[in-house]
Amino acid sequence: MEKLEEKIKTLIRDVPDFPKKGIIFKDITTFLNTSVFSEYIDFLATKYKDVDFVCGIESRGFIFGAALAAKIKKGFVPVRKQGKLPFTTVSEKYALEYGFDEIEIHIDAFRDVKNPKVLLIDDLIATGGTSEAAVKLIRQAGGNIVAAVFLIELTFLEGAKKLKEINVNVDSLIKY
């Protein structure tokens, strides 16, 4: 039986020069519309069935996060770009190579659960700036990070190292 990692790798499409020249974009849409996506969610559900909440980073983290949360029958919490959430939020700025951006989470995202165990999920970790900001938000809102999970890790950009430095376990299936 072919390993899940190998199955997924064969489904990810490389798109050269997107979103700008010199970048090879890892297109996961060719993986999402297959039954292998369900296999991946089942794999994660077995591994992380004991969390209280799944937090997904906008926007592809919503796909993985909502599917996983539904599978394990737990709550899904969106981490969104500034100004997109309708209630009181906490926010965190982070550096980009060309400036700054900001993400938010509802201040009561983990209400009714004492010391909630939270799984952070996204499709890819590159430099780790967005993920690090998301971890800070989750902690500000009272969540305890179990792990940060990514389908893909671009190891040469050392984003996982940045998360490990702030005591976050990083779990990525595919490494480039």
Protein backbone atom coordinates (compact mmCIF):
# COMPACT_ATOMS: atom_id res chain seq x y z
CA MET A 1 0.00 0.00 0.00
CA GLU A 2 1.32 3.38 -0.99
CA LYS A 3 2.04 5.70 1.93
CA LEU A 4 -0.30 8.63 2.38
CA GLU A 5 2.55 11.09 1.94
CA GLU A 6 3.46 9.62 -1.44
CA LYS A 7 -0.16 9.58 -2.59
CA ILE A 8 -0.54 13.26 -1.74
CA LYS A 9 2.79 14.26 -3.30
CA THR A 10 1.69 12.81 -6.63
CA LEU A 11 -1.45 14.96 -6.51
CA ILE A 12 0.19 18.33 -5.71
CA ARG A 13 0.80 20.42 -8.80
CA ASP A 14 3.78 22.77 -9.14
CA VAL A 15 2.88 26.10 -10.71
CA PRO A 16 5.99 28.05 -11.75
CA ASP A 17 6.18 31.82 -11.36
CA PHE A 18 3.05 32.12 -9.19
CA PRO A 19 2.22 34.47 -7.52
CA LYS A 20 5.40 36.09 -8.82
CA LYS A 21 8.40 35.21 -10.94
CA GLY A 22 10.84 32.79 -9.34
CA ILE A 23 8.33 31.13 -7.01
CA ILE A 24 7.12 27.57 -7.53
CA PHE A 25 3.64 27.47 -6.02
CA LYS A 26 2.47 24.17 -4.50
CA ASP A 27 -1.14 23.88 -5.73
CA ILE A 28 -3.12 21.63 -3.40
CA THR A 29 -6.46 21.99 -5.21
CA THR A 30 -5.52 18.92 -7.25
CA PHE A 31 -5.35 16.98 -3.95
CA LEU A 32 -8.50 18.45 -2.39
CA ASN A 33 -10.83 17.10 -5.07
CA THR A 34 -9.80 13.46 -4.53
CA SER A 35 -10.64 10.77 -2.00
CA VAL A 36 -7.08 11.09 -0.70
CA PHE A 37 -8.18 14.30 1.03
CA SER A 38 -10.55 12.19 3.16
CA GLU A 39 -7.71 9.80 3.93
CA TYR A 40 -5.63 12.73 5.16
CA ILE A 41 -8.45 14.00 7.38
CA ASP A 42 -8.94 10.46 8.77
CA PHE A 43 -5.18 10.27 9.47
CA LEU A 44 -5.29 13.57 11.39
CA ALA A 45 -8.48 12.61 13.22
CA THR A 46 -6.83 9.48 14.60
CA LYS A 47 -3.81 11.45 15.73
CA TYR A 48 -5.60 14.49 17.20
CA LYS A 49 -8.96 13.13 18.39
CA ASP A 50 -8.43 14.46 21.93
CA VAL A 51 -8.22 18.18 21.17
CA ASP A 52 -11.02 20.53 22.20
CA PHE A 53 -10.80 22.93 19.23
CA VAL A 54 -9.28 23.08 15.79
CA CYS A 55 -8.06 26.53 14.65
CA GLY A 56 -7.62 27.09 10.93
CA ILE A 57 -5.69 29.96 9.39
CA GLU A 58 -7.42 31.86 6.58
CA SER A 59 -8.05 30.61 4.01
CA ARG A 60 -6.84 27.12 3.17
CA GLY A 61 -6.56 26.30 6.86
CA PHE A 62 -10.35 26.67 6.93
CA ILE A 63 -10.68 23.73 4.52
CA PHE A 64 -8.53 21.39 6.60
CA GLY A 65 -9.66 22.74 9.96
CA ALA A 66 -13.40 22.58 9.37
CA ALA A 67 -13.18 19.08 7.89
CA LEU A 68 -11.08 17.83 10.79
CA ALA A 69 -13.24 19.50 13.45
CA ALA A 70 -16.36 17.95 11.95
CA LYS A 71 -14.69 14.52 11.79
CA ILE A 72 -13.66 14.58 15.48
CA LYS A 73 -16.88 16.38 16.53
CA LYS A 74 -15.10 19.38 18.02
CA GLY A 75 -15.35 23.12 17.51
CA PHE A 76 -13.71 24.98 14.64
CA VAL A 77 -12.21 28.43 15.28
CA PRO A 78 -11.22 30.64 12.35
CA VAL A 79 -8.09 32.78 12.45
CA ARG A 80 -8.88 35.60 10.04
CA LYS A 81 -7.36 38.63 8.45
CA GLN A 82 -8.01 41.92 10.25
CA GLY A 83 -11.54 43.25 10.10
CA LYS A 84 -13.25 40.04 8.96
CA LEU A 85 -14.65 38.79 12.29
CA PRO A 86 -17.91 40.33 13.53
CA PHE A 87 -17.36 40.31 17.31
CA THR A 88 -14.68 41.54 19.72
CA THR A 89 -11.28 40.19 18.75
CA VAL A 90 -7.67 40.05 19.79
CA SER A 91 -5.19 40.71 17.02
CA GLU A 92 -1.55 40.14 16.24
CA LYS A 93 0.66 41.86 13.69
CA TYR A 94 3.41 39.99 11.93
CA ALA A 95 6.13 40.82 9.45
CA LEU A 96 6.03 39.95 5.79
CA GLU A 97 8.92 40.25 3.38
CA TYR A 98 7.27 43.40 2.01
CA GLY A 99 5.58 44.91 5.10
CA PHE A 100 3.19 43.82 7.82
CA ASP A 101 -0.13 42.04 8.09
CA GLU A 102 -2.52 41.35 10.94
CA ILE A 103 -4.73 38.44 11.93
CA GLU A 104 -7.48 38.12 14.54
CA ILE A 105 -9.43 35.63 16.59
CA HIS A 106 -12.61 36.14 18.60
CA ILE A 107 -11.78 36.95 22.21
CA ASP A 108 -14.25 34.27 23.37
CA ALA A 109 -13.22 31.61 20.83
CA PHE A 110 -12.71 28.96 23.51
CA ARG A 111 -15.55 29.89 25.86
CA ASP A 112 -17.02 27.24 28.12
CA VAL A 113 -13.88 25.07 28.04
CA LYS A 114 -11.32 25.35 30.82
CA ASN A 115 -7.70 25.04 29.61
CA PRO A 116 -8.75 24.06 26.09
CA LYS A 117 -6.43 21.90 24.01
CA VAL A 118 -6.13 23.56 20.59
CA LEU A 119 -4.75 22.27 17.31
CA LEU A 120 -3.60 24.88 14.79
CA ILE A 121 -3.82 23.82 11.15
CA ASP A 122 -2.93 25.23 7.76
CA ASP A 123 -1.95 23.90 4.36
CA LEU A 124 1.65 25.10 4.35
CA ILE A 125 4.33 26.58 6.57
CA ALA A 126 6.95 28.74 4.92
CA THR A 127 8.64 31.43 7.04
CA GLY A 128 6.27 30.81 9.96
CA GLY A 129 5.22 34.43 10.50
CA THR A 130 1.48 33.88 10.15
CA SER A 131 1.58 30.68 12.21
CA GLU A 132 3.60 32.32 14.97
CA ALA A 133 1.06 35.16 15.13
CA ALA A 134 -1.78 32.62 15.24
CA VAL A 135 -0.12 30.80 18.15
CA LYS A 136 0.15 34.08 20.05
CA LEU A 137 -3.54 34.79 19.40
CA ILE A 138 -4.63 31.35 20.55
CA ARG A 139 -2.65 31.77 23.74
CA GLN A 140 -4.07 35.28 24.31
CA ALA A 141 -7.57 33.82 24.00
CA GLY A 142 -6.76 31.18 26.62
CA GLY A 143 -5.96 28.20 24.41
CA ASN A 144 -3.20 25.64 24.96
CA ILE A 145 -1.51 24.62 21.72
CA VAL A 146 -1.22 20.86 21.30
CA ALA A 147 0.51 21.17 17.92
CA ALA A 148 0.64 23.13 14.69
CA VAL A 149 -0.15 20.87 11.75
CA PHE A 150 0.70 21.54 8.11
CA LEU A 151 0.25 19.43 5.03
CA ILE A 152 3.43 20.94 3.54
CA GLU A 153 6.57 22.38 5.12
CA LEU A 154 9.10 24.37 3.07
CA THR A 155 12.07 23.41 5.25
CA PHE A 156 14.54 25.82 3.68
CA LEU A 157 12.50 28.77 5.00
CA GLU A 158 12.73 27.47 8.61
CA GLY A 159 9.20 28.37 9.71
CA ALA A 160 8.92 25.23 11.83
CA LYS A 161 12.06 26.27 13.70
CA LYS A 162 10.38 29.58 14.56
CA LEU A 163 7.41 27.74 16.10
CA LYS A 164 9.59 25.29 17.99
CA GLU A 165 11.39 28.27 19.56
CA ILE A 166 8.07 29.30 21.15
CA ASN A 167 7.41 25.74 22.40
CA VAL A 168 5.05 24.53 19.70
CA ASN A 169 5.17 20.98 18.35
CA VAL A 170 5.16 21.08 14.57
CA ASP A 171 3.70 18.24 12.52
CA SER A 172 4.07 18.37 8.75
CA LEU A 173 3.44 15.42 6.46
CA ILE A 174 5.29 16.57 3.34
CA LYS A 175 8.61 18.39 3.43
CA TYR A 176 10.23 20.19 0.51
